[in-house]
């Protein structure tokens, strides 16, 4: 028997938690700039994740008991 979809759940069927998480795989490269002086408050690293590729897993997990609770097909299932 397979896992239900997220649309079929309102809470974790095991512990009753109302939140879930999805594991992602990340790949790519980023640039992290630093200052030679050690004062990095003005260093702009806002684009450090721009080239990162995120791939979601296929299952959603309960945030409390960490059991797989549903199939995951993306944010807008």
N, C-alpha and C. Protein backbone atom coordinates (compact mmCIF):
# COMPACT_ATOMS: atom_id res chain seq x y z
N UNK A 1 0.85 -1.19 0.00
CA UNK A 1 0.00 0.00 0.00
C UNK A 1 0.88 1.24 0.00
N UNK A 2 0.61 2.17 -0.90
CA UNK A 2 1.40 3.38 -1.01
C UNK A 2 0.95 4.47 -0.04
N UNK A 3 1.73 5.50 0.01
CA UNK A 3 1.41 6.64 0.87
C UNK A 3 0.29 7.48 0.25
N UNK A 4 -0.52 8.14 1.08
CA UNK A 4 -1.56 9.03 0.54
C UNK A 4 -0.92 10.30 -0.03
N UNK A 5 -1.69 11.10 -0.72
CA UNK A 5 -1.20 12.41 -1.16
C UNK A 5 -1.36 13.40 -0.02
N UNK A 6 -0.67 14.53 -0.10
CA UNK A 6 -0.79 15.56 0.93
C UNK A 6 -2.22 16.09 1.03
N UNK A 7 -2.91 16.14 -0.09
CA UNK A 7 -4.29 16.65 -0.10
C UNK A 7 -5.23 15.80 0.74
N UNK A 8 -4.86 14.55 0.95
CA UNK A 8 -5.71 13.64 1.74
C UNK A 8 -5.48 13.77 3.24
N UNK A 9 -4.45 14.49 3.66
CA UNK A 9 -4.10 14.58 5.08
C UNK A 9 -4.36 15.96 5.66
N UNK A 10 -4.71 16.00 6.91
CA UNK A 10 -4.81 17.27 7.65
C UNK A 10 -3.85 17.28 8.83
N UNK A 11 -3.28 16.10 9.14
CA UNK A 11 -2.30 15.98 10.22
C UNK A 11 -1.57 14.65 10.05
N UNK A 12 -0.52 14.46 10.82
CA UNK A 12 0.23 13.21 10.78
C UNK A 12 -0.66 12.08 11.29
N UNK A 13 -0.79 11.00 10.53
CA UNK A 13 -1.63 9.89 10.96
C UNK A 13 -1.03 9.09 12.12
N UNK A 14 0.24 9.34 12.44
CA UNK A 14 0.91 8.59 13.51
C UNK A 14 0.89 9.33 14.84
N UNK A 15 1.22 10.64 14.81
CA UNK A 15 1.34 11.38 16.07
C UNK A 15 0.43 12.60 16.17
N UNK A 16 -0.23 12.98 15.07
CA UNK A 16 -1.15 14.11 15.09
C UNK A 16 -0.53 15.47 14.83
N UNK A 17 0.77 15.52 14.54
CA UNK A 17 1.43 16.81 14.25
C UNK A 17 0.79 17.46 13.03
N UNK A 18 0.81 18.80 12.99
CA UNK A 18 0.16 19.51 11.87
C UNK A 18 1.16 20.10 10.88
N UNK A 19 2.42 19.67 10.92
CA UNK A 19 3.43 20.16 9.97
C UNK A 19 4.21 18.98 9.39
N UNK A 20 4.76 19.21 8.19
CA UNK A 20 5.57 18.20 7.53
C UNK A 20 6.78 18.88 6.90
N UNK A 21 7.75 18.09 6.49
CA UNK A 21 8.91 18.61 5.76
C UNK A 21 9.20 17.69 4.59
N UNK A 22 9.95 18.23 3.64
CA UNK A 22 10.38 17.49 2.46
C UNK A 22 11.89 17.58 2.39
N UNK A 23 12.54 16.47 2.17
CA UNK A 23 14.00 16.46 2.00
C UNK A 23 14.33 16.87 0.57
N UNK A 24 15.33 17.72 0.44
CA UNK A 24 15.78 18.18 -0.87
C UNK A 24 17.21 17.74 -1.11
N UNK A 25 17.55 17.53 -2.36
CA UNK A 25 18.93 17.31 -2.78
C UNK A 25 19.39 18.59 -3.46
N UNK A 26 20.57 19.05 -3.10
CA UNK A 26 21.11 20.30 -3.65
C UNK A 26 22.36 20.00 -4.45
N UNK A 27 22.52 20.69 -5.58
CA UNK A 27 23.75 20.57 -6.35
C UNK A 27 24.07 21.92 -6.98
N UNK A 28 25.33 22.10 -7.32
CA UNK A 28 25.76 23.35 -7.93
C UNK A 28 26.91 23.97 -7.16
N UNK A 29 27.20 25.21 -7.50
CA UNK A 29 28.29 25.94 -6.87
C UNK A 29 27.82 27.33 -6.49
N UNK A 30 28.47 27.88 -5.49
CA UNK A 30 28.16 29.25 -5.08
C UNK A 30 29.44 29.98 -4.72
N UNK A 31 29.35 31.28 -4.67
CA UNK A 31 30.48 32.12 -4.27
C UNK A 31 30.14 32.77 -2.95
N UNK A 32 31.04 32.64 -1.98
CA UNK A 32 30.86 33.25 -0.66
C UNK A 32 32.01 34.23 -0.45
N UNK A 33 31.71 35.52 -0.49
CA UNK A 33 32.73 36.56 -0.38
C UNK A 33 33.00 36.90 1.08
N UNK A 34 34.24 37.23 1.38
CA UNK A 34 34.65 37.64 2.72
C UNK A 34 35.57 38.85 2.59
N UNK A 35 35.71 39.61 3.65
CA UNK A 35 36.57 40.78 3.66
C UNK A 35 37.92 40.42 4.29
N UNK A 36 39.01 40.92 3.70
CA UNK A 36 40.33 40.68 4.28
C UNK A 36 40.45 41.28 5.67
N UNK A 37 39.71 42.36 5.93
CA UNK A 37 39.79 43.03 7.23
C UNK A 37 39.07 42.25 8.34
N UNK A 38 38.22 41.31 7.97
CA UNK A 38 37.46 40.57 8.96
C UNK A 38 36.09 41.16 9.23
N UNK A 39 35.86 42.41 8.80
CA UNK A 39 34.55 43.04 8.96
C UNK A 39 33.71 42.70 7.74
N UNK A 40 32.88 41.70 7.86
CA UNK A 40 32.09 41.22 6.73
C UNK A 40 30.69 41.79 6.69
N UNK A 41 30.43 42.82 7.49
CA UNK A 41 29.08 43.39 7.55
C UNK A 41 28.65 44.04 6.24
N UNK A 42 29.57 44.53 5.44
CA UNK A 42 29.22 45.17 4.18
C UNK A 42 29.38 44.28 2.96
N UNK A 43 29.76 43.04 3.17
CA UNK A 43 29.98 42.12 2.05
C UNK A 43 28.63 41.60 1.56
N UNK A 44 28.43 41.66 0.25
CA UNK A 44 27.16 41.23 -0.33
C UNK A 44 27.25 39.78 -0.79
N UNK A 45 26.56 38.90 -0.11
CA UNK A 45 26.48 37.49 -0.50
C UNK A 45 25.06 37.10 -0.89
N UNK A 46 24.28 38.08 -1.32
CA UNK A 46 22.88 37.82 -1.62
C UNK A 46 22.69 36.86 -2.80
N UNK A 47 23.68 36.71 -3.66
CA UNK A 47 23.55 35.83 -4.81
C UNK A 47 24.25 34.49 -4.65
N UNK A 48 24.65 34.16 -3.43
CA UNK A 48 25.46 32.96 -3.24
C UNK A 48 24.73 31.65 -3.59
N UNK A 49 23.41 31.66 -3.60
CA UNK A 49 22.66 30.45 -3.93
C UNK A 49 22.03 30.50 -5.32
N UNK A 50 22.34 31.52 -6.10
CA UNK A 50 21.69 31.71 -7.40
C UNK A 50 21.88 30.53 -8.36
N UNK A 51 23.01 29.87 -8.32
CA UNK A 51 23.29 28.76 -9.23
C UNK A 51 22.97 27.40 -8.62
N UNK A 52 22.38 27.40 -7.44
CA UNK A 52 22.06 26.15 -6.76
C UNK A 52 20.81 25.52 -7.37
N UNK A 53 20.87 24.23 -7.59
CA UNK A 53 19.73 23.48 -8.12
C UNK A 53 19.14 22.66 -6.98
N UNK A 54 17.84 22.82 -6.75
CA UNK A 54 17.16 22.10 -5.68
C UNK A 54 16.22 21.06 -6.28
N UNK A 55 16.33 19.83 -5.82
CA UNK A 55 15.45 18.77 -6.30
C UNK A 55 14.72 18.18 -5.09
N UNK A 56 13.39 18.30 -5.05
CA UNK A 56 12.65 17.77 -3.91
C UNK A 56 12.56 16.24 -3.93
N UNK A 57 12.47 15.67 -2.75
CA UNK A 57 12.24 14.24 -2.64
C UNK A 57 10.80 13.91 -3.01
N UNK A 58 10.47 12.65 -2.97
CA UNK A 58 9.13 12.21 -3.39
C UNK A 58 8.21 11.91 -2.21
N UNK A 59 8.71 12.12 -0.98
CA UNK A 59 7.90 11.85 0.20
C UNK A 59 7.93 13.04 1.16
N UNK A 60 6.85 13.23 1.88
CA UNK A 60 6.77 14.22 2.95
C UNK A 60 6.88 13.47 4.27
N UNK A 61 7.57 14.09 5.25
CA UNK A 61 7.80 13.47 6.55
C UNK A 61 7.21 14.33 7.65
N UNK A 62 6.77 13.71 8.71
CA UNK A 62 6.24 14.43 9.87
C UNK A 62 7.38 15.15 10.58
N UNK A 63 7.16 16.41 10.99
CA UNK A 63 8.21 17.17 11.68
C UNK A 63 8.47 16.65 13.09
N UNK A 64 7.53 15.95 13.67
CA UNK A 64 7.72 15.47 15.04
C UNK A 64 8.22 14.02 15.11
N UNK A 65 7.54 13.10 14.46
CA UNK A 65 7.94 11.68 14.56
C UNK A 65 8.84 11.25 13.39
N UNK A 66 8.99 12.09 12.37
CA UNK A 66 9.88 11.87 11.22
C UNK A 66 9.53 10.65 10.37
N UNK A 67 8.32 10.19 10.49
CA UNK A 67 7.87 9.07 9.65
C UNK A 67 7.38 9.61 8.31
N UNK A 68 7.56 8.85 7.22
CA UNK A 68 7.00 9.27 5.94
C UNK A 68 5.48 9.23 6.01
N UNK A 69 4.84 10.34 5.63
CA UNK A 69 3.38 10.43 5.78
C UNK A 69 2.62 10.59 4.47
N UNK A 70 3.31 11.05 3.41
CA UNK A 70 2.58 11.30 2.16
C UNK A 70 3.52 11.31 0.97
N UNK A 71 2.93 11.13 -0.19
CA UNK A 71 3.65 11.35 -1.45
C UNK A 71 3.82 12.85 -1.62
N UNK A 72 4.92 13.25 -2.24
CA UNK A 72 5.13 14.68 -2.49
C UNK A 72 5.37 14.88 -3.98
N UNK A 73 4.57 15.76 -4.58
CA UNK A 73 4.68 16.03 -6.01
C UNK A 73 5.00 17.49 -6.30
N UNK A 74 5.32 18.26 -5.31
CA UNK A 74 5.64 19.68 -5.50
C UNK A 74 4.76 20.56 -4.63
N UNK A 75 5.10 21.84 -4.60
CA UNK A 75 4.41 22.80 -3.74
C UNK A 75 2.94 22.97 -4.10
N UNK A 76 2.60 22.81 -5.36
CA UNK A 76 1.24 23.11 -5.80
C UNK A 76 0.53 21.86 -6.29
N UNK A 77 0.46 20.84 -5.46
CA UNK A 77 -0.19 19.59 -5.86
C UNK A 77 -1.68 19.79 -6.02
